[in-house]
Protein backbone atom coordinates (compact mmCIF):
# COMPACT_ATOMS: atom_id res chain seq x y z
CA MET A 1 18.92 -60.18 28.78
CA SER A 2 17.36 -60.24 32.25
CA LEU A 3 13.63 -59.89 32.81
CA SER A 4 14.16 -56.59 34.60
CA SER A 5 16.10 -55.19 31.61
CA ALA A 6 13.40 -56.39 29.24
CA LEU A 7 10.75 -54.81 31.46
CA SER A 8 12.62 -51.47 31.48
CA ILE A 9 12.94 -51.55 27.70
CA ALA A 10 9.23 -52.23 27.24
CA GLN A 11 8.22 -49.53 29.70
CA SER A 12 10.48 -46.87 28.13
CA SER A 13 9.19 -47.84 24.68
CA ILE A 14 5.57 -47.33 25.74
CA ARG A 15 6.42 -43.97 27.34
CA ASN A 16 8.28 -42.83 24.22
CA VAL A 17 5.52 -44.01 21.89
CA GLY A 18 2.97 -42.13 23.98
CA ARG A 19 4.89 -38.89 23.73
CA GLN A 20 5.69 -39.37 20.05
CA THR A 21 2.01 -40.04 19.37
CA SER A 22 1.14 -36.80 21.16
CA VAL A 23 3.61 -34.87 19.00
CA VAL A 24 2.35 -36.43 15.76
CA SER A 25 -1.29 -35.84 16.76
CA ARG A 26 -0.50 -32.17 17.40
CA ASN A 27 1.12 -31.96 13.97
CA VAL A 28 -2.02 -33.36 12.33
CA LEU A 29 -4.23 -30.99 14.34
CA GLU A 30 -2.21 -27.92 13.23
CA ALA A 31 -1.76 -29.03 9.61
CA SER A 32 -3.86 -26.14 8.28
CA ASN A 33 -2.13 -23.51 10.46
CA THR A 34 0.33 -21.64 8.22
CA ASP A 35 2.19 -20.30 11.28
CA TYR A 36 2.83 -23.77 12.73
CA SER A 37 6.15 -25.58 12.25
CA ARG A 38 6.29 -29.36 12.36
CA ARG A 39 7.57 -30.95 15.59
CA THR A 40 9.69 -34.09 15.82
CA ALA A 41 10.45 -36.07 18.97
CA VAL A 42 14.18 -36.93 19.04
CA VAL A 43 14.78 -40.38 20.63
CA SER A 44 18.14 -41.43 22.06
CA SER A 45 19.23 -44.90 23.17
CA THR A 46 20.01 -45.50 26.83
CA ALA A 47 20.98 -48.60 28.77
CA PRO A 48 18.54 -50.19 28.97
CA GLY A 49 15.83 -48.76 26.67
CA ALA A 50 15.58 -45.29 25.15
CA ARG A 51 14.30 -41.83 26.00
CA ILE A 52 13.15 -38.68 24.23
CA LEU A 53 15.86 -36.04 24.42
CA GLU A 54 13.97 -33.07 22.95
CA ILE A 55 11.19 -31.89 20.68
CA GLN A 56 12.73 -30.41 17.55
CA ARG A 57 10.94 -27.72 15.53
CA ALA A 58 11.42 -27.67 11.75
CA THR A 59 13.05 -24.43 10.54
CA SER A 60 14.57 -22.88 7.41
CA ASP A 61 16.14 -19.52 8.18
CA GLN A 62 16.93 -18.70 4.55
CA LEU A 63 13.42 -19.40 3.26
CA PHE A 64 11.89 -17.56 6.20
CA ARG A 65 13.97 -14.43 5.47
CA GLN A 66 13.02 -14.60 1.80
CA ASN A 67 9.35 -14.87 2.75
CA LEU A 68 9.64 -11.84 5.04
CA GLY A 69 11.10 -9.75 2.22
CA ALA A 70 8.40 -10.91 -0.20
CA LEU A 71 5.66 -10.05 2.29
CA SER A 72 7.06 -6.52 2.68
CA GLN A 73 7.10 -5.93 -1.07
CA TRP A 74 3.62 -7.39 -1.49
CA SER A 75 2.19 -5.21 1.27
CA GLY A 76 3.84 -2.05 -0.08
CA GLN A 77 2.70 -2.63 -3.67
CA SER A 78 -0.80 -3.56 -2.51
CA ALA A 79 -1.09 -0.25 -0.65
CA LEU A 80 0.18 1.63 -3.72
CA TYR A 81 -2.10 -0.09 -6.22
CA SER A 82 -5.27 0.15 -4.16
CA GLY A 83 -4.49 3.79 -3.33
CA MET A 84 -3.96 4.73 -6.98
CA ASP A 85 -7.19 2.98 -7.88
CA ARG A 86 -9.13 4.98 -5.28
CA LEU A 87 -7.39 8.21 -6.26
CA GLY A 88 -8.12 7.77 -9.96
CA ILE A 89 -11.83 7.19 -9.34
CA ALA A 90 -12.06 10.07 -6.84
CA VAL A 91 -10.52 12.59 -9.25
CA ASN A 92 -11.36 11.31 -12.74
CA GLY A 93 -14.45 9.21 -12.04
CA VAL A 94 -15.30 5.75 -13.37
CA SER A 95 -13.77 5.28 -16.84
CA ASN A 96 -12.47 8.90 -16.55
CA SER A 97 -15.98 10.20 -17.15
CA SER A 98 -15.58 13.18 -14.80
CA SER A 99 -11.93 13.99 -15.54
CA PRO A 100 -10.71 17.50 -16.42
CA ALA A 101 -9.83 16.18 -19.89
CA SER A 102 -13.44 15.12 -20.43
CA ALA A 103 -14.77 18.46 -19.17
CA ILE A 104 -12.36 20.42 -21.41
CA GLY A 105 -13.44 18.33 -24.39
CA LYS A 106 -17.08 19.20 -23.71
CA LEU A 107 -16.14 22.86 -23.34
CA GLN A 108 -14.47 22.77 -26.75
CA GLU A 109 -17.59 21.28 -28.30
CA ALA A 110 -19.79 23.92 -26.68
CA MET A 111 -17.46 26.71 -27.85
CA GLN A 112 -17.48 25.35 -31.41
CA LEU A 113 -21.27 25.32 -31.47
CA TYR A 114 -21.40 28.84 -30.04
CA SER A 115 -18.86 30.13 -32.57
CA ALA A 116 -20.99 28.69 -35.37
CA SER A 117 -23.99 30.70 -34.13
CA PRO A 118 -22.62 33.55 -31.98
CA SER A 119 -25.99 35.32 -31.70
CA ASN A 120 -27.63 32.32 -30.01
CA GLN A 121 -27.87 33.06 -26.28
CA ASN A 122 -28.79 29.45 -25.47
CA LEU A 123 -25.51 28.31 -26.98
CA ALA A 124 -23.72 31.01 -25.00
CA GLN A 125 -25.29 29.68 -21.82
CA ASN A 126 -24.33 26.13 -22.78
CA ALA A 127 -20.72 27.27 -23.19
CA LEU A 128 -20.83 28.91 -19.76
CA ASP A 129 -22.30 25.74 -18.26
CA ALA A 130 -19.48 23.70 -19.81
CA ALA A 131 -16.91 26.17 -18.45
CA ARG A 132 -18.58 26.01 -15.04
CA GLN A 133 -18.27 22.20 -15.16
CA VAL A 134 -14.55 22.49 -15.94
CA VAL A 135 -14.11 24.71 -12.87
CA ARG A 136 -16.17 22.32 -10.73
CA THR A 137 -14.10 19.37 -11.94
CA LEU A 138 -10.83 21.07 -11.02
CA ASN A 139 -12.15 22.31 -7.66
CA ASP A 140 -13.61 18.90 -6.78
CA GLY A 141 -10.47 17.13 -7.98
CA THR A 142 -8.34 19.27 -5.66
CA THR A 143 -10.69 18.54 -2.74
CA ALA A 144 -10.61 14.82 -3.54
CA ILE A 145 -6.80 14.78 -3.65
CA GLN A 146 -6.41 16.63 -0.35
CA THR A 147 -9.02 14.36 1.27
CA PHE A 148 -7.14 11.34 -0.06
CA ARG A 149 -3.86 12.69 1.32
CA SER A 150 -5.44 13.30 4.74
CA GLU A 151 -6.89 9.78 4.74
CA SER A 152 -3.49 8.35 3.79
CA ASP A 153 -1.93 10.38 6.60
CA LEU A 154 -4.41 8.86 9.07
CA GLU A 155 -3.70 5.38 7.68
CA VAL A 156 0.00 5.98 8.36
CA ALA A 157 -0.85 6.93 11.96
CA THR A 158 -2.98 3.79 12.35
CA SER A 159 -0.25 1.61 10.85
CA VAL A 160 2.35 3.07 13.21
CA GLY A 161 0.11 2.27 16.18
CA GLU A 162 -0.41 -1.29 14.95
CA LEU A 163 3.33 -1.70 14.39
CA ASN A 164 4.09 -0.59 17.96
CA ASN A 165 1.53 -3.12 19.25
CA LEU A 166 3.14 -5.88 17.19
CA LEU A 167 6.58 -4.98 18.56
CA ALA A 168 5.17 -5.25 22.09
CA ASP A 169 3.75 -8.71 21.23
CA PHE A 170 7.11 -9.66 19.76
CA LYS A 171 8.85 -8.69 23.01
CA ASN A 172 6.46 -10.84 25.07
CA ALA A 173 7.10 -13.87 22.88
CA ASN A 174 10.85 -13.26 22.79
CA ASP A 175 11.03 -12.97 26.60
CA LEU A 176 9.15 -16.28 27.02
CA ILE A 177 11.49 -17.95 24.54
CA ILE A 178 14.62 -16.75 26.35
CA ALA A 179 13.30 -17.82 29.75
CA GLY A 180 12.11 -21.20 28.43
CA THR A 181 15.37 -21.89 26.64
CA ARG A 182 17.41 -21.16 29.75
CA ALA A 183 15.14 -23.45 31.80
CA GLY A 184 15.38 -26.25 29.23
CA ARG A 185 11.65 -26.19 28.38
CA ASP A 186 10.11 -26.77 24.96
CA VAL A 187 9.54 -23.29 23.48
CA SER A 188 8.23 -24.37 20.07
CA ASP A 189 4.84 -22.71 20.56
CA GLN A 190 6.48 -19.41 21.52
CA LEU A 191 8.81 -19.64 18.51
CA ASP A 192 5.79 -20.09 16.24
CA ARG A 193 4.10 -17.10 17.84
CA ARG A 194 7.23 -14.95 17.44
CA ASP A 195 7.63 -15.90 13.77
CA ALA A 196 3.95 -15.17 13.10
CA THR A 197 4.33 -11.74 14.71
CA LEU A 198 7.47 -11.09 12.68
CA LYS A 199 5.54 -11.79 9.47
CA GLN A 200 2.97 -9.19 10.48
CA ILE A 201 5.72 -6.67 11.29
CA ALA A 202 7.24 -7.27 7.84
CA GLU A 203 3.96 -6.18 6.25
CA TYR A 204 4.51 -2.68 7.67
CA VAL A 205 8.29 -2.29 7.30
CA PRO A 206 10.90 -4.52 5.60
CA VAL A 207 12.93 -6.34 8.24
CA THR A 208 16.04 -8.43 8.67
CA THR A 209 16.92 -10.53 11.74
CA PHE A 210 19.70 -12.42 13.47
CA SER A 211 19.63 -14.68 16.52
CA ARG A 212 21.76 -14.61 19.64
CA ALA A 213 22.24 -16.94 22.63
CA ASP A 214 19.14 -18.47 24.26
CA ASN A 215 17.15 -18.01 21.01
CA ASP A 216 17.12 -14.24 21.52
CA MET A 217 16.34 -12.39 18.28
CA VAL A 218 17.35 -8.92 17.06
CA VAL A 219 15.22 -7.20 14.41
CA MET A 220 16.32 -4.35 12.11
CA THR A 221 14.81 -2.68 9.11
CA SER A 222 16.30 -3.50 5.72
CA ASP A 223 18.32 -0.27 5.78
CA GLY A 224 19.88 -1.11 9.15
CA THR A 225 17.69 0.85 11.57
CA MET A 226 17.31 -1.03 14.85
CA LEU A 227 13.70 -2.08 15.41
CA PHE A 228 14.04 -4.51 18.32
CA GLU A 229 16.94 -5.42 20.58
CA THR A 230 15.86 -6.70 23.99
CA VAL A 231 13.18 -4.01 23.94
CA PRO A 232 11.23 -2.57 20.99
CA ARG A 233 12.40 0.73 19.59
CA SER A 234 9.87 3.55 19.50
CA VAL A 235 8.08 4.12 16.18
CA THR A 236 6.69 7.66 16.12
CA PHE A 237 4.54 9.72 13.78
CA THR A 238 2.65 12.99 14.13
CA PRO A 239 -0.41 13.26 11.87
CA SER A 240 -0.85 16.52 9.99
CA PRO A 241 -4.16 18.29 10.74
CA VAL A 242 -4.05 19.93 7.29
CA LEU A 243 -2.02 18.97 4.22
CA ALA A 244 -1.76 21.96 1.90
CA ALA A 245 -1.22 21.42 -1.81
CA GLY A 246 2.45 20.98 -2.64
CA THR A 247 3.57 20.25 0.94
CA ASN A 248 4.68 16.87 2.26
CA GLY A 249 3.30 15.28 5.40
CA ASN A 250 5.34 14.36 8.46
CA GLN A 251 7.78 11.46 8.37
CA VAL A 252 7.67 8.22 10.34
CA PHE A 253 10.62 7.75 12.67
CA ILE A 254 12.03 4.54 14.11
CA ASP A 255 14.27 5.29 17.07
CA GLY A 256 14.72 8.79 15.64
CA VAL A 257 15.59 7.62 12.10
CA ALA A 258 13.18 8.47 9.26
CA VAL A 259 11.60 5.54 7.40
CA ARG A 260 12.60 5.59 3.76
CA GLY A 261 9.99 5.16 1.06
CA GLY A 262 12.10 3.15 -1.36
CA ASN A 263 11.32 2.45 -5.02
CA PRO A 264 9.50 0.19 -5.32
CA ALA A 265 7.89 0.79 -1.96
CA SER A 266 8.45 -2.05 0.50
CA GLY A 267 6.09 -2.27 3.45
CA LYS A 268 2.67 -0.69 3.93
CA ILE A 269 3.98 2.43 5.66
CA ALA A 270 6.37 3.26 2.81
CA GLY A 271 3.58 2.66 0.29
CA LEU A 272 1.22 5.03 2.10
CA ILE A 273 3.89 7.72 2.36
CA GLN A 274 4.65 7.41 -1.36
CA LEU A 275 0.94 7.82 -2.14
CA ARG A 276 0.60 10.82 0.16
CA ASP A 277 3.76 12.74 -0.77
CA SER A 278 4.54 11.66 -4.32
CA VAL A 279 1.62 10.28 -6.32
CA ALA A 280 -1.11 12.55 -4.94
CA THR A 281 1.02 15.71 -4.88
CA THR A 282 2.15 15.18 -8.48
CA MET A 283 -1.43 14.65 -9.56
CA GLN A 284 -2.37 17.89 -7.79
CA SER A 285 0.42 19.69 -9.64
CA GLN A 286 -1.01 18.47 -12.93
CA LEU A 287 -4.46 19.80 -12.03
CA ASP A 288 -2.86 23.11 -11.09
CA GLU A 289 -1.09 23.28 -14.45
CA VAL A 290 -4.38 22.52 -16.26
CA ALA A 291 -6.00 25.38 -14.34
CA ARG A 292 -3.15 27.73 -15.27
CA GLY A 293 -3.44 26.62 -18.89
CA LEU A 294 -7.16 27.40 -18.91
CA ILE A 295 -6.63 30.90 -17.50
CA THR A 296 -3.92 31.50 -20.10
CA ALA A 297 -5.93 30.09 -23.03
CA PHE A 298 -8.97 32.26 -22.23
CA ALA A 299 -7.03 35.38 -21.25
CA GLU A 300 -8.10 38.70 -22.70
CA THR A 301 -5.44 40.54 -24.70
CA ALA A 302 -5.26 44.07 -26.04
CA PRO A 303 -2.60 46.31 -27.61
CA ALA A 304 -0.47 48.12 -25.05
CA GLN A 305 -2.34 46.33 -22.26
CA PRO A 306 -1.11 43.45 -20.08
CA ASP A 307 -2.96 40.19 -20.52
CA ALA A 308 -5.80 39.77 -18.03
CA PRO A 309 -7.90 36.74 -17.00
CA GLY A 310 -10.97 36.35 -19.20
CA LEU A 311 -13.49 33.54 -18.82
CA PHE A 312 -11.44 31.91 -16.02
CA THR A 313 -9.90 33.87 -13.17
CA TRP A 314 -7.88 33.23 -10.01
CA PRO A 315 -7.10 34.95 -6.67
CA GLY A 316 -4.07 36.69 -8.20
CA ALA A 317 -6.17 38.59 -10.77
CA PRO A 318 -6.02 41.02 -12.47
CA GLY A 319 -2.51 39.69 -13.07
CA MET A 320 -1.88 36.48 -15.01
CA PRO A 321 -0.28 33.31 -13.58
CA PRO A 322 3.44 33.21 -14.47
CA ALA A 323 4.03 31.32 -17.71
CA GLY A 324 5.38 27.79 -17.27
CA THR A 325 5.51 28.07 -13.48
CA LEU A 326 3.58 25.82 -11.13
CA ILE A 327 1.24 27.50 -8.63
CA ASN A 328 0.35 25.04 -5.87
CA GLY A 329 -3.38 24.76 -5.22
CA LEU A 330 -4.45 26.83 -8.23
CA ALA A 331 -6.93 24.17 -9.35
CA GLY A 332 -8.79 24.59 -6.08
CA THR A 333 -9.12 28.36 -6.46
CA ILE A 334 -9.86 28.80 -10.18
CA ARG A 335 -13.27 30.44 -10.80
CA LEU A 336 -15.44 31.77 -13.60
CA ASN A 337 -15.08 35.49 -14.12
CA ALA A 338 -18.03 37.14 -12.36
CA ALA A 339 -18.28 39.69 -15.18
CA ILE A 340 -19.17 36.85 -17.61
CA ASP A 341 -20.84 34.29 -15.33
CA THR A 342 -24.61 34.79 -15.49
CA ALA A 343 -24.98 32.87 -12.22
CA GLN A 344 -23.13 35.78 -10.59
CA GLY A 345 -25.03 38.48 -12.47
CA GLY A 346 -22.55 38.66 -15.34
CA ASN A 347 -23.05 39.14 -19.06
CA ALA A 348 -22.52 36.03 -21.20
CA THR A 349 -22.07 38.17 -24.32
CA LEU A 350 -18.66 39.28 -23.00
CA LEU A 351 -17.41 35.77 -23.77
CA ARG A 352 -18.08 36.50 -27.47
CA ASP A 353 -17.12 40.17 -27.56
CA GLY A 354 -14.46 40.49 -24.84
CA GLY A 355 -14.34 43.29 -22.29
CA ALA A 356 -14.63 41.42 -19.02
CA ASN A 357 -11.67 43.55 -17.87
CA GLY A 358 -12.76 46.88 -19.34
CA ALA A 359 -13.17 48.68 -22.65
CA ALA A 360 -9.54 48.21 -23.67
CA TYR A 361 -10.13 44.48 -24.08
CA ILE A 362 -13.32 44.67 -26.18
CA ALA A 363 -12.69 42.71 -29.39
CA ASN A 364 -16.13 43.39 -30.95
CA PRO A 365 -16.72 47.12 -30.27
CA THR A 366 -19.71 47.34 -32.61
CA GLY A 367 -21.45 44.40 -30.92
CA GLY A 368 -21.97 42.57 -34.20
CA SER A 369 -24.10 39.49 -33.55
CA SER A 370 -22.21 37.40 -36.10
CA TYR A 371 -18.77 38.12 -34.61
CA ALA A 372 -17.05 34.81 -33.75
CA ASP A 373 -13.31 35.54 -34.10
CA LEU A 374 -12.71 35.59 -30.35
CA LEU A 375 -14.62 32.33 -29.75
CA ILE A 376 -12.66 30.64 -32.52
CA ALA A 377 -9.39 32.01 -31.08
CA TYR A 378 -10.20 30.55 -27.65
CA ASN A 379 -10.73 27.09 -29.11
CA ASP A 380 -7.53 27.39 -31.13
CA ARG A 381 -5.58 28.27 -27.97
CA ILE A 382 -6.81 25.09 -26.28
CA ASP A 383 -5.11 23.10 -29.04
CA ALA A 384 -2.03 25.32 -29.30
CA SER A 385 1.26 24.43 -27.60
CA MET A 386 2.10 26.18 -24.34
CA ALA A 387 4.73 25.77 -21.64
CA PHE A 388 4.05 23.66 -18.54
CA ASP A 389 6.20 23.21 -15.46
CA PRO A 390 8.18 19.93 -15.79
CA ALA A 391 7.87 19.48 -12.01
CA ALA A 392 4.32 18.23 -12.69
CA GLY A 393 5.76 15.02 -14.10
CA ILE A 394 4.58 15.13 -17.71
CA ASP A 395 5.37 17.05 -20.92
CA SER A 396 6.72 20.56 -20.45
CA THR A 397 5.40 21.65 -23.88
CA ALA A 398 1.98 20.53 -25.05
CA SER A 399 -1.48 21.78 -25.87
CA LEU A 400 -3.93 22.15 -23.00
CA SER A 401 -6.17 19.41 -24.36
CA SER A 402 -3.31 16.90 -24.80
CA TYR A 403 -1.81 17.85 -21.44
CA SER A 404 -5.06 17.08 -19.60
CA THR A 405 -5.23 13.74 -21.43
CA SER A 406 -1.59 13.00 -20.56
CA SER A 407 -2.46 13.46 -16.90
CA ILE A 408 -4.86 10.52 -17.16
CA SER A 409 -2.25 8.47 -19.02
CA TRP A 410 0.36 9.31 -16.37
CA LEU A 411 -1.78 7.91 -13.55
CA GLU A 412 -2.83 4.89 -15.60
CA GLY A 413 0.83 4.19 -16.35
CA LEU A 414 1.70 4.33 -12.67
CA ARG A 415 -1.24 2.10 -11.83
CA LYS A 416 -0.24 -0.42 -14.49
CA ASN A 417 3.33 -0.55 -13.17
CA ALA A 418 2.02 -0.93 -9.62
CA ASP A 419 -0.27 -3.74 -10.78
CA SER A 420 2.63 -5.57 -12.44
CA ALA A 421 4.79 -5.11 -9.34
CA LEU A 422 1.90 -6.27 -7.15
CA GLN A 423 1.40 -9.44 -9.16
CA SER A 424 5.14 -10.19 -9.15
CA SER A 425 5.48 -9.59 -5.41
CA GLU A 426 2.35 -11.61 -4.70
CA ALA A 427 3.67 -14.52 -6.75
CA LEU A 428 7.01 -14.32 -4.93
CA ALA A 429 5.28 -14.24 -1.54
CA VAL A 430 3.15 -17.25 -2.46
CA ARG A 431 6.11 -19.22 -3.80
CA THR A 432 8.33 -18.52 -0.81
CA ALA A 433 5.46 -19.37 1.54
CA GLU A 434 4.94 -22.67 -0.29
CA ALA A 435 8.66 -23.45 -0.21
CA LEU A 436 8.76 -22.63 3.50
CA SER A 437 5.70 -24.78 4.12
CA ASN A 438 7.30 -27.69 2.26
CA GLU A 439 10.32 -27.43 4.56
CA THR A 440 8.64 -26.70 7.88
CA GLY A 441 4.93 -27.45 7.43
CA VAL A 442 2.98 -30.62 8.13
CA ASN A 443 2.38 -33.35 5.54
CA VAL A 444 -0.68 -35.17 6.85
CA ASP A 445 0.04 -38.33 4.82
CA MET A 446 3.52 -38.61 6.34
CA GLU A 447 2.15 -38.01 9.83
CA MET A 448 -0.53 -40.68 9.41
CA SER A 449 2.09 -43.11 8.16
CA LEU A 450 4.19 -42.30 11.23
CA LEU A 451 1.18 -42.92 13.45
CA LEU A 452 0.84 -46.42 11.97
CA ASP A 453 4.51 -47.09 12.71
CA LEU A 454 4.01 -45.88 16.28
CA GLU A 455 0.97 -48.13 16.59
CA HIS A 456 3.07 -51.09 15.54
CA SER A 457 5.76 -50.11 18.06
CA TYR A 458 3.14 -49.88 20.77
CA GLU A 459 1.77 -53.33 19.84
CA ALA A 460 5.27 -54.82 19.97
CA SER A 461 5.97 -53.23 23.36
CA ALA A 462 2.63 -54.41 24.68
CA ARG A 463 3.34 -57.93 23.45
CA LEU A 464 6.76 -57.83 25.11
CA LEU A 465 5.12 -56.79 28.40
CA SER A 466 2.65 -59.60 28.05
CA VAL A 467 5.46 -62.15 27.54
CA ILE A 468 7.39 -60.76 30.50
CA ASP A 469 4.24 -60.97 32.61
CA GLU A 470 3.78 -64.61 31.65
CA MET A 471 7.42 -65.42 32.38
CA LEU A 472 7.26 -63.73 35.77
CA ALA A 473 4.06 -65.60 36.58
CA SER A 474 5.70 -68.90 35.63
CA LEU A 475 8.77 -68.05 37.70
CA LEU A 476 6.68 -67.19 40.77
CA SER A 477 4.65 -70.35 40.31
CA ALA A 478 7.82 -72.46 40.18
CA VAL A 479 9.16 -70.77 43.32
CA ARG A 480 6.01 -71.56 45.20
């Protein structure tokens, strides 16, 4: 080997070691960055010496796709679970303390006490207060549900805006990657940025991808709707100024195609839509059925007379709500009968004797102070079976008291299922992220070991340069 060849080998070795050291140092610096993929300098032999051909970026397409799917499920179930938690507290209170079921139970107790001493006006007032609390609970529950639906609708609008921003960021990164790849530049940083953006997109909608020439990437939703191809597709949504009971909000469209909710919901947007148009509306239907059951249970009856609302009334009075048929928004409009409600100038004694709708409905015409048959009948009706609309999601035949309790159980069951799905999806997301990190992440111990090897290579190259220098000095000295 000539001295010039040896010198070229030593020089190329030092250059390569310098660049490899830079790559390894960057790996160590980014070890805690979950969006960073490990880089490796690929060295190829030349004559004489060697050179670095490229900087390779660690990838695992299969694990990355699995992680994207897990992130979508986790985000969707997280939105569902947290939303149900908020909804349950808003309507039923902490530990269901302010639920309609609790208020009806207290009304039953007050009615029992009043029926035991029907001449006691204080007990009559207590019964009216308990009935007033039932009405307030249903009215407030309806308001809470509609407020929750409006807030969910606004969250959908915010999420759509954030998704459009992420798609714009994705386009910027994708354009830089295409241009860099065509120019032969290292685009590892841009690839990391694009993958990180794609993870964020997957939190809003489930996605699938495939790559084309020059590292160009195409993104679709899991059901095949195009989300990005060269340019981002438009994601549109029009918030609803008012969401009436029983009506669904507007849909989210991607390039004119409606986003599907899915079951279980995958992606934050689908989770929010499911909360707004399924969970909350069904809960409202149950409140409406409870309100209808109350009006029916406390209706005044008389021979040859149609039933008429008694203690509880509604905007459709003097008629009765249709049996077994859901009336959207009824829980928000149920009221105490003004003829009985002392707060409206009514007569509380009519609760005991009947007659809130005229003389034909008076059950105690003599005004006997010990008369309690009607009060006992009201309490019995609360525990008697009646028909409910199956569209409300729970039993179609049940007593009013058990139906109101079943409404709580229904939401708790949904919340429990959402919690289980959330834990499963979270575990899957964590496991796939760990597996992906093991394949593409940085192991600091390995990098430090590689740095020691590079240090030894540098020392050997430096020693070779020193020997060459001595040999050249000796050769020049001999020539002189």
